[in-house]
């Protein structure tokens, strides 16, 4: 029983009208319920919008930030909670299982969003090789892997210890850094290079000036004492990063963090803070954002290893990095420390070893290596010149090449896939593993014929393909930090040396070219991960590439062309990462937010206990709120006498009840006239009713202004408590932006409710139509006819029994009022169409006519501008 029906019964029972105080109280109570209902609808809209945004992000090419995922998921939870509060206010204690269902889903969402943070408790320092040092959450992936190699496989690694992620947390908390870091990261647009550099500089400054807690300092000193007994004297240290997420499959962080080499143990604190600070270096922050990694999870463990004064070093790939299916081992080697290989400082030796029994050295490329990095006597490393003979000599013997290849293949088999192995040859001739991580699988480029005329545009050939594919754009040389700030989206990045510091630019680069460097450098690894075509080591001739010139870099074809060259068949530049930690969190959260299982409000399973997602909870709350608002409210007494009769030319059988702001302040008396009504939905409905004259039976008599509806409702014989179906009163409950209309026109019943305020999230239109004078088949046919039209208007329409229900939500005020106006037209022009539904040609005629009429309807007039066209005549 709806509210209007209650009014009717209340009057039919002859109940005495309430006194003024009671009427005022009841009116206030209804207004409060209505306000609660509107808040619930707005929360419903916010929840659905947040879910839609997460779904859009899930389908998009880029990995969203963790802040986005947390923000949208939390917004959905909060909105659903508001809906539950609203429903409980409308119907206290009527749905006791709802709170429990919500708590269960909310807990699951919280669990899905929960960061895989470093442990809050645990040892500050652990020796390398111990079981606890193989725990990634404690030692970071890089040191955990190194520890596993030493402890589990017995492979040679430097002696050392790990300053754990627990120590990092302790350092940050001791200096109150987490809140300040979060504030800085959230306060700037990190897509802007200058802002990224500024924010990262401030955060790194916080670390380098931080105070190391006493317990941490004491733990490290004890570890150093133990290390002195194990390592060659004098002890020198290599402090290497081992951040959470580093060296993960598809996210190597190659070269993004600092390493401090050949450190005097007396100075370990400065070196440790420097490595810890590199967690927030520009390259690392940009890399995390690009890869969709979670800033809240970032924690830095630091390997504190005995320095290996290498006579040679480099990188070994257990498979071809450009074609991992090719199982040959590729080795890049240089004299001295491996720094020259990973930084691309100068040309290095390359060796290829084909697998077999025994494996064989298939190819050697011995470069002229002008220098080598060596440890200084006191501290630090520096490049040292080589004589011609040593520069031209291979940096590894054949035996060591094969031994290293066997070691790489062993790691390949142990981890079940291609590995990127950094190694060193110590003065005793022993190969030592410094790092082992998964080798990223590159985006393959497909071979294609060059376009006609391409040969004539070729500027350069040569170099090594470090990342396949082709890309073109304006070429920009980046040699300084200032050049990096100016680098723009879609440009070709040209550098002298492929240093890791240029990694933040790769997310915007169309392609990468360099004078020096090779396939084993850190920037080459990142280019492969980002699927940026990279052609490195082009030599001095690359310096002739003109700034700002349009070029196409064909990395797979090892050539650079003038202009934009179409290379059909090349695999396009991949965007984003299909599988990142943030995406995995997003997928988990969406699985708890988006699915809708509660679809049948009339079914036995439409209960709180069946709500398994936040969408289920919104559906349940929405449905029950509508029922509670317009059925339970009918049980309340209401100040019906406060309603005023609409006077349009004559007193009509429509009564208007103002809930606040729906009438002008001057409006008084028994009747209310059209020009006194300020309710925007009412006025839009009125325009829809009157704008197009009804030309069907019965005949029009009001020259396009009033229809048969008005003839019926305006009949004096139907007013004043007359009996009969046509004598039923029709009521409007209005505010300035809201209208609830219940009407009976002849044999047709309809209800229309609309909110058209300033917030689209709270706007809605709800329409119900039923009845008719024809037989049941024709009435049902008319409902289907109307359903089609309403669906065409963009409403969600459904036929249930003898009723047609339609609803639209979330539109701005103008769109909502236009819809109300269309419904006014349909209310007028379809009320007797059930009589012709057995005649297909007439159905088609009206289908075409209605479509044409709806297309001609003008936009609703602004509120307060609708005037009674007969007002002047009447007043006269």
Foldseek 3Di string as FASTA:
>chain_A
DFQQVLVVVCVVVVDDFDDPVVQVVQLVVLLVLVVLLLLLLLLLLLLVVLLVVLVVCLPDQAQAALCSLVVSLVSNLVSLVSLVVSLCVLPPPPFVLQVVLSVVLVVLLCVLSDDPAQDQDDDQKAWQQDPVQLDCSWQAPWSNVQSCCCNPVVAFAFTFMKRTLNQQVVQCVVLVNPVVLVVLVVPDDLVQPVSLQVSLVVQLVSLLPTDRDPVSVVVVVVRVVVVPVVDDPPFFKKKAKRKHVDLDALQNCQQQFDIFARHRPVPVSNRVSRRQSSCSHSLNVLSCRQQNHHPNRITIMIIIGGHFFFQKWAKKKCAPLQDQVHRKIKTWMDGTAHVCAQFLVAHTKIWIWHVDVHIDTDDIDFAQAQWYWGADPRGDIDIDGDDRVVRRDHSDDRVVVSVVNVVQVVVCVVVVGMKMWIWGQHPVRDIHTHTIHHRHRFDHWDDFDFDPPQVVFWQAFDFAWLHAFKFKDFEFEDEDSVSLSVDAARYEYEYAIQGSVSNSCLLRHQAYEYCGHHNSYSSSSSCRSQRHTYGYNRHPSVVPPDGRFIWMQRSVRRTIGGHDTDGPRTDHRRGHDSDHPSSSSSVSSSVQAPDADQDDCVDPLLGSVNRRHSSSSSVSSSVSSVCSSTPVSSVDDHSPQQWAFEAFVHTFLETEHESEAQFAPPDDDRYDYPLRGLALLVLLLQCLQQVAAAPDPPHADPVSGDGVQRVLRRDPCLDDPHDDPSNSGWYWYGHNFWIWTWDDRPFKTKIWIWGADAFQSSTKIKMKIFTADDDDVLLVLLLVLVQVVLVVLVWDWDDDDRMIITMDGRDHRQSRSLVSSLVSNCVNHSRHVSVCSVPVVVSVVVSVVSVVVSVPDDGRDNGSPDDSPCVVVVVD
